[in-house]
Amino acid sequence: MTVENNGPLPGSGTNRVPLSRQRRGVLQYLRGQAGPVTASALAQVCALHVNTVREHLDALVDDGLAVRERSSPSGRGRPAFRYRARPPQESPAREYAGLAAVLAAQIARSSADPRRDALAAGEDWGRVLTAGQTPSTDPKEARTRLLDLLDEIGFAPEADADAHQVRLRRCPFVETAREHPGVICGVHEGLARAGLAALGGAPQEVDLLPFAEPDACRLHLGQRADDENHARPPASPGTPRAQR
């Protein structure tokens, strides 16, 4: 695949705008909490309106300075988001970008089928990240939980209301992905496949379109694998898959 777009921003948030005084204050309050907190709880500590705090928290998540996760379900209604600060020294993209580049180059150079091996590696990663989690019987909830996981890793996903069509606005290894898209993007697709399979009971299709937009990759979630097999005509022998 030839990469023509710049694609997502780095997942480390290296291109972020400097924090405003108020946003920096929210981050300091968040770092002072003993554990993950809701926007409402933090608003009381900060003495700010909850909508203002939520806006700052979401921006901190986009910048890689905070993590957003869902509370455990309790009663009726959708569980609230909780937030926690990343340690100041934590920078997964910087720590592992060099290793990712070396491994991607090795797979691309030595593997008889780099995409197959990349998918397998990503699936192993996805199973590790979701180990011990209870699958959901609700396919939409499973997709939403996968997006929470991708958000924490650093992809900054932006999805439609049903979490079917997703824009990945950041990538932890975007520089290496531009050099070896078939490998790095294959790992990420494998991660999403295994993650969604572990988080939900019903099979759902996962399709990643790398660098599909000038500033994002696209991820399609939710079509059942058996439905797609009936809907899509078989590919001719030797015909490469689009965008790969």
C-alpha atoms as a PDB file:
ATOM      1  CA  MET A   1       0.000   0.000   0.000  1.00  0.00           C
ATOM      2  CA  THR A   2       1.255   3.472  -0.879  1.00  0.00           C
ATOM      3  CA  VAL A   3       0.715   6.076   1.842  1.00  0.00           C
ATOM      4  CA  GLU A   4      -0.373   9.365   0.276  1.00  0.00           C
ATOM      5  CA  ASN A   5      -1.963  11.066   3.304  1.00  0.00           C
ATOM      6  CA  ASN A   6      -0.269  12.316   6.435  1.00  0.00           C
ATOM      7  CA  GLY A   7      -2.759  10.257   8.423  1.00  0.00           C
ATOM      8  CA  PRO A   8      -3.399  10.500  12.163  1.00  0.00           C
ATOM      9  CA  LEU A   9      -1.377  12.621  14.535  1.00  0.00           C
ATOM     10  CA  PRO A  10       1.169  10.837  16.728  1.00  0.00           C
ATOM     11  CA  GLY A  11      -0.471   9.080  19.665  1.00  0.00           C
ATOM     12  CA  SER A  12       1.922  10.703  22.099  1.00  0.00           C
ATOM     13  CA  GLY A  13       0.296  14.075  21.572  1.00  0.00           C
ATOM     14  CA  THR A  14       3.579  15.708  20.548  1.00  0.00           C
ATOM     15  CA  ASN A  15       1.712  18.196  18.338  1.00  0.00           C
ATOM     16  CA  ARG A  16      -0.609  19.436  21.073  1.00  0.00           C
ATOM     17  CA  VAL A  17      -1.215  23.090  21.815  1.00  0.00           C
ATOM     18  CA  PRO A  18       0.194  24.276  25.193  1.00  0.00           C
ATOM     19  CA  LEU A  19      -2.349  23.906  27.999  1.00  0.00           C
ATOM     20  CA  SER A  20      -4.335  26.921  29.108  1.00  0.00           C
ATOM     21  CA  ARG A  21      -4.117  27.961  32.757  1.00  0.00           C
ATOM     22  CA  GLN A  22      -7.557  26.529  33.559  1.00  0.00           C
ATOM     23  CA  ARG A  23      -6.904  23.237  31.749  1.00  0.00           C
ATOM     24  CA  ARG A  24      -3.560  22.896  33.493  1.00  0.00           C
ATOM     25  CA  GLY A  25      -5.383  23.417  36.792  1.00  0.00           C
ATOM     26  CA  VAL A  26      -7.891  20.665  35.977  1.00  0.00           C
ATOM     27  CA  LEU A  27      -4.992  18.327  35.191  1.00  0.00           C
ATOM     28  CA  GLN A  28      -3.352  19.143  38.515  1.00  0.00           C
ATOM     29  CA  TYR A  29      -6.588  18.405  40.385  1.00  0.00           C
ATOM     30  CA  LEU A  30      -6.957  15.155  38.452  1.00  0.00           C
ATOM     31  CA  ARG A  31      -3.434  14.105  39.361  1.00  0.00           C
ATOM     32  CA  GLY A  32      -4.285  14.726  42.994  1.00  0.00           C
ATOM     33  CA  GLN A  33      -7.121  12.177  43.040  1.00  0.00           C
ATOM     34  CA  ALA A  34      -6.620   8.775  44.639  1.00  0.00           C
ATOM     35  CA  GLY A  35      -8.285   6.965  41.727  1.00  0.00           C
ATOM     36  CA  PRO A  36     -10.430   7.462  38.604  1.00  0.00           C
ATOM     37  CA  VAL A  37     -13.170  10.056  39.071  1.00  0.00           C
ATOM     38  CA  THR A  38     -16.205  11.245  37.126  1.00  0.00           C
ATOM     39  CA  ALA A  39     -16.409  14.716  35.631  1.00  0.00           C
ATOM     40  CA  SER A  40     -19.112  15.607  38.156  1.00  0.00           C
ATOM     41  CA  ALA A  41     -16.938  14.631  41.115  1.00  0.00           C
ATOM     42  CA  LEU A  42     -13.956  16.543  39.768  1.00  0.00           C
ATOM     43  CA  ALA A  43     -16.123  19.601  39.055  1.00  0.00           C
ATOM     44  CA  GLN A  44     -16.912  19.848  42.759  1.00  0.00           C
ATOM     45  CA  VAL A  45     -13.211  19.746  43.606  1.00  0.00           C
ATOM     46  CA  CYS A  46     -12.314  22.312  40.931  1.00  0.00           C
ATOM     47  CA  ALA A  47     -15.304  24.571  41.648  1.00  0.00           C
ATOM     48  CA  LEU A  48     -16.109  24.669  37.915  1.00  0.00           C
ATOM     49  CA  HIS A  49     -19.227  23.796  35.934  1.00  0.00           C
ATOM     50  CA  VAL A  50     -19.326  20.108  35.066  1.00  0.00           C
ATOM     51  CA  ASN A  51     -19.584  20.823  31.312  1.00  0.00           C
ATOM     52  CA  THR A  52     -16.436  22.955  31.498  1.00  0.00           C
ATOM     53  CA  VAL A  53     -14.577  20.226  33.381  1.00  0.00           C
ATOM     54  CA  ARG A  54     -15.763  17.552  30.949  1.00  0.00           C
ATOM     55  CA  GLU A  55     -14.527  19.626  28.004  1.00  0.00           C
ATOM     56  CA  HIS A  56     -11.096  19.995  29.613  1.00  0.00           C
ATOM     57  CA  LEU A  57     -10.952  16.302  30.522  1.00  0.00           C
ATOM     58  CA  ASP A  58     -11.778  15.189  26.986  1.00  0.00           C
ATOM     59  CA  ALA A  59      -9.077  17.501  25.634  1.00  0.00           C
ATOM     60  CA  LEU A  60      -6.571  16.061  28.126  1.00  0.00           C
ATOM     61  CA  VAL A  61      -7.477  12.569  26.915  1.00  0.00           C
ATOM     62  CA  ASP A  62      -6.897  13.646  23.306  1.00  0.00           C
ATOM     63  CA  ASP A  63      -3.500  15.029  24.329  1.00  0.00           C
ATOM     64  CA  GLY A  64      -2.528  11.739  25.970  1.00  0.00           C
ATOM     65  CA  LEU A  65      -2.374  13.317  29.438  1.00  0.00           C
ATOM     66  CA  ALA A  66      -5.415  11.527  30.860  1.00  0.00           C
ATOM     67  CA  VAL A  67      -7.272   8.232  30.396  1.00  0.00           C
ATOM     68  CA  ARG A  68     -11.038   7.865  30.021  1.00  0.00           C
ATOM     69  CA  GLU A  69     -12.772   4.637  31.048  1.00  0.00           C
ATOM     70  CA  ARG A  70     -16.321   3.516  31.762  1.00  0.00           C
ATOM     71  CA  SER A  71     -17.599   2.899  35.267  1.00  0.00           C
ATOM     72  CA  SER A  72     -18.943  -0.552  36.097  1.00  0.00           C
ATOM     73  CA  PRO A  73     -22.659  -0.873  35.232  1.00  0.00           C
ATOM     74  CA  SER A  74     -24.947  -0.258  38.207  1.00  0.00           C
ATOM     75  CA  GLY A  75     -28.693   0.011  37.758  1.00  0.00           C
ATOM     76  CA  ARG A  76     -30.358   1.535  34.748  1.00  0.00           C
ATOM     77  CA  GLY A  77     -28.778   3.956  32.319  1.00  0.00           C
ATOM     78  CA  ARG A  78     -25.418   4.139  30.628  1.00  0.00           C
ATOM     79  CA  PRO A  79     -22.401   3.981  32.971  1.00  0.00           C
ATOM     80  CA  ALA A  80     -20.602   7.301  33.404  1.00  0.00           C
ATOM     81  CA  PHE A  81     -17.085   7.918  32.197  1.00  0.00           C
ATOM     82  CA  ARG A  82     -14.320   8.103  34.777  1.00  0.00           C
ATOM     83  CA  TYR A  83     -10.990   9.844  34.262  1.00  0.00           C
ATOM     84  CA  ARG A  84      -7.499   9.402  35.610  1.00  0.00           C
ATOM     85  CA  ALA A  85      -4.263  11.220  34.878  1.00  0.00           C
ATOM     86  CA  ARG A  86      -1.401   9.499  33.129  1.00  0.00           C
ATOM     87  CA  PRO A  87       1.858   9.639  35.078  1.00  0.00           C
ATOM     88  CA  PRO A  88       3.926  12.562  33.750  1.00  0.00           C
ATOM     89  CA  GLN A  89       6.723  10.212  32.716  1.00  0.00           C
ATOM     90  CA  GLU A  90       4.376   7.823  30.881  1.00  0.00           C
ATOM     91  CA  SER A  91       4.811   8.040  27.130  1.00  0.00           C
ATOM     92  CA  PRO A  92       4.051   4.697  25.442  1.00  0.00           C
ATOM     93  CA  ALA A  93       4.670   5.986  21.922  1.00  0.00           C
ATOM     94  CA  ARG A  94       8.153   7.312  22.678  1.00  0.00           C
ATOM     95  CA  GLU A  95       9.136   4.237  24.676  1.00  0.00           C
ATOM     96  CA  TYR A  96       8.039   1.677  22.083  1.00  0.00           C
ATOM     97  CA  ALA A  97       8.239   3.501  18.737  1.00  0.00           C
ATOM     98  CA  GLY A  98      11.824   2.412  18.184  1.00  0.00           C
ATOM     99  CA  LEU A  99      11.035  -1.199  19.031  1.00  0.00           C
ATOM    100  CA  ALA A 100       7.975  -1.131  16.776  1.00  0.00           C
ATOM    101  CA  ALA A 101      10.067   0.149  13.881  1.00  0.00           C
ATOM    102  CA  VAL A 102      12.648  -2.624  14.313  1.00  0.00           C
ATOM    103  CA  LEU A 103      10.031  -5.376  14.594  1.00  0.00           C
ATOM    104  CA  ALA A 104       8.012  -4.052  11.642  1.00  0.00           C
ATOM    105  CA  ALA A 105      11.115  -3.964   9.458  1.00  0.00           C
ATOM    106  CA  GLN A 106      12.022  -7.512  10.518  1.00  0.00           C
ATOM    107  CA  ILE A 107       8.546  -8.861   9.710  1.00  0.00           C
ATOM    108  CA  ALA A 108       8.438  -7.013   6.374  1.00  0.00           C
ATOM    109  CA  ARG A 109      11.885  -8.348   5.440  1.00  0.00           C
ATOM    110  CA  SER A 110      11.700 -11.956   6.620  1.00  0.00           C
ATOM    111  CA  SER A 111       8.051 -13.024   6.623  1.00  0.00           C
ATOM    112  CA  ALA A 112       6.553 -14.948   3.687  1.00  0.00           C
ATOM    113  CA  ASP A 113       3.221 -13.254   4.492  1.00  0.00           C
ATOM    114  CA  PRO A 114       3.829 -10.037   6.475  1.00  0.00           C
ATOM    115  CA  ARG A 115       0.145  -9.103   6.751  1.00  0.00           C
ATOM    116  CA  ARG A 116      -0.837 -12.531   8.108  1.00  0.00           C
ATOM    117  CA  ASP A 117       1.930 -12.441  10.698  1.00  0.00           C
ATOM    118  CA  ALA A 118       1.091  -8.836  11.633  1.00  0.00           C
ATOM    119  CA  LEU A 119      -2.577  -9.731  12.158  1.00  0.00           C
ATOM    120  CA  ALA A 120      -1.574 -12.689  14.325  1.00  0.00           C
ATOM    121  CA  ALA A 121       0.719 -10.491  16.440  1.00  0.00           C
ATOM    122  CA  GLY A 122      -2.030  -7.904  16.847  1.00  0.00           C
ATOM    123  CA  GLU A 123      -4.536 -10.562  17.870  1.00  0.00           C
ATOM    124  CA  ASP A 124      -2.145 -11.798  20.544  1.00  0.00           C
ATOM    125  CA  TRP A 125      -1.799  -8.209  21.789  1.00  0.00           C
ATOM    126  CA  GLY A 126      -5.574  -7.766  21.851  1.00  0.00           C
ATOM    127  CA  ARG A 127      -6.054 -10.940  23.883  1.00  0.00           C
ATOM    128  CA  VAL A 128      -3.456  -9.797  26.405  1.00  0.00           C
ATOM    129  CA  LEU A 129      -5.096  -6.362  26.806  1.00  0.00           C
ATOM    130  CA  THR A 130      -8.567  -7.842  27.353  1.00  0.00           C
ATOM    131  CA  ALA A 131      -7.571 -10.831  29.490  1.00  0.00           C
ATOM    132  CA  GLY A 132      -9.953 -11.379  32.385  1.00  0.00           C
ATOM    133  CA  GLN A 133     -12.679  -9.035  31.111  1.00  0.00           C
ATOM    134  CA  THR A 134     -16.262 -10.271  31.027  1.00  0.00           C
ATOM    135  CA  PRO A 135     -17.788 -10.285  27.522  1.00  0.00           C
ATOM    136  CA  SER A 136     -20.907  -8.217  26.939  1.00  0.00           C
ATOM    137  CA  THR A 137     -24.057  -9.664  25.404  1.00  0.00           C
ATOM    138  CA  ASP A 138     -24.787  -6.260  23.843  1.00  0.00           C
ATOM    139  CA  PRO A 139     -22.838  -5.848  20.553  1.00  0.00           C
ATOM    140  CA  LYS A 140     -22.926  -2.042  20.791  1.00  0.00           C
ATOM    141  CA  GLU A 141     -21.540  -2.122  24.327  1.00  0.00           C
ATOM    142  CA  ALA A 142     -18.765  -4.429  23.140  1.00  0.00           C
ATOM    143  CA  ARG A 143     -17.872  -1.964  20.369  1.00  0.00           C
ATOM    144  CA  THR A 144     -17.936   0.921  22.835  1.00  0.00           C
ATOM    145  CA  ARG A 145     -15.641  -0.935  25.224  1.00  0.00           C
ATOM    146  CA  LEU A 146     -13.237  -1.588  22.354  1.00  0.00           C
ATOM    147  CA  LEU A 147     -13.209   2.141  21.582  1.00  0.00           C
ATOM    148  CA  ASP A 148     -12.430   2.848  25.243  1.00  0.00           C
ATOM    149  CA  LEU A 149      -9.466   0.482  24.957  1.00  0.00           C
ATOM    150  CA  LEU A 150      -8.241   2.109  21.729  1.00  0.00           C
ATOM    151  CA  ASP A 151      -8.645   5.505  23.362  1.00  0.00           C
ATOM    152  CA  GLU A 152      -6.472   4.485  26.296  1.00  0.00           C
ATOM    153  CA  ILE A 153      -3.758   3.153  23.986  1.00  0.00           C
ATOM    154  CA  GLY A 154      -3.656   6.476  22.142  1.00  0.00           C
ATOM    155  CA  PHE A 155      -5.797   6.244  18.982  1.00  0.00           C
ATOM    156  CA  ALA A 156      -8.291   9.000  19.970  1.00  0.00           C
ATOM    157  CA  PRO A 157     -11.242   7.255  18.247  1.00  0.00           C
ATOM    158  CA  GLU A 158     -14.198   9.338  17.063  1.00  0.00           C
ATOM    159  CA  ALA A 159     -17.276   7.212  16.313  1.00  0.00           C
ATOM    160  CA  ASP A 160     -20.852   7.553  15.128  1.00  0.00           C
ATOM    161  CA  ALA A 161     -23.749   7.022  17.546  1.00  0.00           C
ATOM    162  CA  ASP A 162     -23.756   3.242  17.104  1.00  0.00           C
ATOM    163  CA  ALA A 163     -19.960   2.847  17.164  1.00  0.00           C
ATOM    164  CA  HIS A 164     -19.970   1.329  13.678  1.00  0.00           C
ATOM    165  CA  GLN A 165     -17.939   3.924  11.770  1.00  0.00           C
ATOM    166  CA  VAL A 166     -14.837   5.127  13.584  1.00  0.00           C
ATOM    167  CA  ARG A 167     -12.165   7.700  12.769  1.00  0.00           C
ATOM    168  CA  LEU A 168      -8.799   7.042  14.402  1.00  0.00           C
ATOM    169  CA  ARG A 169      -7.350  10.539  14.781  1.00  0.00           C
ATOM    170  CA  ARG A 170      -4.076   9.506  16.393  1.00  0.00           C
ATOM    171  CA  CYS A 171      -1.696   6.572  16.059  1.00  0.00           C
ATOM    172  CA  PRO A 172       0.959   5.559  18.602  1.00  0.00           C
ATOM    173  CA  PHE A 173       3.281   4.399  15.800  1.00  0.00           C
ATOM    174  CA  VAL A 174       2.282   6.604  12.879  1.00  0.00           C
ATOM    175  CA  GLU A 175       5.835   7.225  11.626  1.00  0.00           C
ATOM    176  CA  THR A 176       6.548   3.493  11.418  1.00  0.00           C
ATOM    177  CA  ALA A 177       3.082   2.917   9.938  1.00  0.00           C
ATOM    178  CA  ARG A 178       3.950   5.254   7.049  1.00  0.00           C
ATOM    179  CA  GLU A 179       7.052   3.176   6.337  1.00  0.00           C
ATOM    180  CA  HIS A 180       5.514  -0.274   6.892  1.00  0.00           C
ATOM    181  CA  PRO A 181       1.722   0.192   6.686  1.00  0.00           C
ATOM    182  CA  GLY A 182       1.018  -3.448   5.865  1.00  0.00           C
ATOM    183  CA  VAL A 183       2.697  -4.529   9.104  1.00  0.00           C
ATOM    184  CA  ILE A 184       1.822  -1.835  11.652  1.00  0.00           C
ATOM    185  CA  CYS A 185      -1.737  -1.364  10.405  1.00  0.00           C
ATOM    186  CA  GLY A 186      -2.123  -5.146  10.286  1.00  0.00           C
ATOM    187  CA  VAL A 187      -1.112  -5.340  13.951  1.00  0.00           C
ATOM    188  CA  HIS A 188      -3.676  -2.677  14.821  1.00  0.00           C
ATOM    189  CA  GLU A 189      -6.431  -4.448  12.890  1.00  0.00           C
ATOM    190  CA  GLY A 190      -5.560  -7.721  14.638  1.00  0.00           C
ATOM    191  CA  LEU A 191      -5.703  -5.927  17.978  1.00  0.00           C
ATOM    192  CA  ALA A 192      -9.174  -4.597  17.188  1.00  0.00           C
ATOM    193  CA  ARG A 193     -10.379  -8.008  15.977  1.00  0.00           C
ATOM    194  CA  ALA A 194      -9.240  -9.917  19.054  1.00  0.00           C
ATOM    195  CA  GLY A 195     -10.303  -7.134  21.396  1.00  0.00           C
ATOM    196  CA  LEU A 196     -13.823  -7.008  20.002  1.00  0.00           C
ATOM    197  CA  ALA A 197     -14.089 -10.805  20.035  1.00  0.00           C
ATOM    198  CA  ALA A 198     -13.071 -10.892  23.700  1.00  0.00           C
ATOM    199  CA  LEU A 199     -15.350  -8.035  24.768  1.00  0.00           C
ATOM    200  CA  GLY A 200     -18.502  -9.292  23.024  1.00  0.00           C
ATOM    201  CA  GLY A 201     -20.218 -12.625  22.664  1.00  0.00           C
ATOM    202  CA  ALA A 202     -21.547 -12.298  19.095  1.00  0.00           C
ATOM    203  CA  PRO A 203     -19.034 -12.264  16.191  1.00  0.00           C
ATOM    204  CA  GLN A 204     -18.576  -8.842  14.611  1.00  0.00           C
ATOM    205  CA  GLU A 205     -16.586  -7.828  11.560  1.00  0.00           C
ATOM    206  CA  VAL A 206     -13.593  -5.504  11.883  1.00  0.00           C
ATOM    207  CA  ASP A 207     -12.046  -3.686   8.929  1.00  0.00           C
ATOM    208  CA  LEU A 208      -9.284  -1.095   9.203  1.00  0.00           C
ATOM    209  CA  LEU A 209      -8.650   1.308   6.309  1.00  0.00           C
ATOM    210  CA  PRO A 210      -5.208   2.850   6.930  1.00  0.00           C
ATOM    211  CA  PHE A 211      -4.673   6.499   5.987  1.00  0.00           C
ATOM    212  CA  ALA A 212      -8.167   6.621   4.477  1.00  0.00           C
ATOM    213  CA  GLU A 213      -8.452  10.348   5.231  1.00  0.00           C
ATOM    214  CA  PRO A 214      -5.859  13.129   5.208  1.00  0.00           C
ATOM    215  CA  ASP A 215      -5.893  13.226   9.025  1.00  0.00           C
ATOM    216  CA  ALA A 216      -7.260   9.851  10.110  1.00  0.00           C
ATOM    217  CA  CYS A 217      -7.575   6.131   9.518  1.00  0.00           C
ATOM    218  CA  ARG A 218     -11.040   4.558   9.359  1.00  0.00           C
ATOM    219  CA  LEU A 219     -12.231   1.553  11.332  1.00  0.00           C
ATOM    220  CA  HIS A 220     -15.481  -0.240  10.484  1.00  0.00           C
ATOM    221  CA  LEU A 221     -17.055  -2.298  13.258  1.00  0.00           C
ATOM    222  CA  GLY A 222     -20.123  -4.383  13.719  1.00  0.00           C
ATOM    223  CA  GLN A 223     -21.090  -6.277  10.579  1.00  0.00           C
ATOM    224  CA  ARG A 224     -21.347  -9.947  11.374  1.00  0.00           C
ATOM    225  CA  ALA A 225     -18.715 -12.033   9.676  1.00  0.00           C
ATOM    226  CA  ASP A 226     -21.264 -14.543   8.270  1.00  0.00           C
ATOM    227  CA  ASP A 227     -23.413 -11.717   6.850  1.00  0.00           C
ATOM    228  CA  GLU A 228     -20.415 -10.213   5.078  1.00  0.00           C
ATOM    229  CA  ASN A 229     -19.438 -13.556   3.589  1.00  0.00           C
ATOM    230  CA  HIS A 230     -22.847 -13.718   1.917  1.00  0.00           C
ATOM    231  CA  ALA A 231     -22.853 -10.055   0.891  1.00  0.00           C
ATOM    232  CA  ARG A 232     -19.359  -9.790  -0.575  1.00  0.00           C
ATOM    233  CA  PRO A 233     -18.509 -11.740  -3.757  1.00  0.00           C
ATOM    234  CA  PRO A 234     -15.387 -13.899  -3.507  1.00  0.00           C
ATOM    235  CA  ALA A 235     -12.188 -12.187  -4.589  1.00  0.00           C
ATOM    236  CA  SER A 236     -10.477 -13.418  -7.718  1.00  0.00           C
ATOM    237  CA  PRO A 237      -7.231 -15.306  -7.130  1.00  0.00           C
ATOM    238  CA  GLY A 238      -4.322 -12.914  -6.795  1.00  0.00           C
ATOM    239  CA  THR A 239      -6.545  -9.829  -6.402  1.00  0.00           C
ATOM    240  CA  PRO A 240      -5.226  -7.690  -3.513  1.00  0.00           C
ATOM    241  CA  ARG A 241      -7.643  -6.341  -0.956  1.00  0.00           C
ATOM    242  CA  ALA A 242      -8.424  -2.643  -1.342  1.00  0.00           C
ATOM    243  CA  GLN A 243      -6.173  -0.288   0.605  1.00  0.00           C
ATOM    244  CA  ARG A 244      -3.727  -3.087   1.473  1.00  0.00           C
END
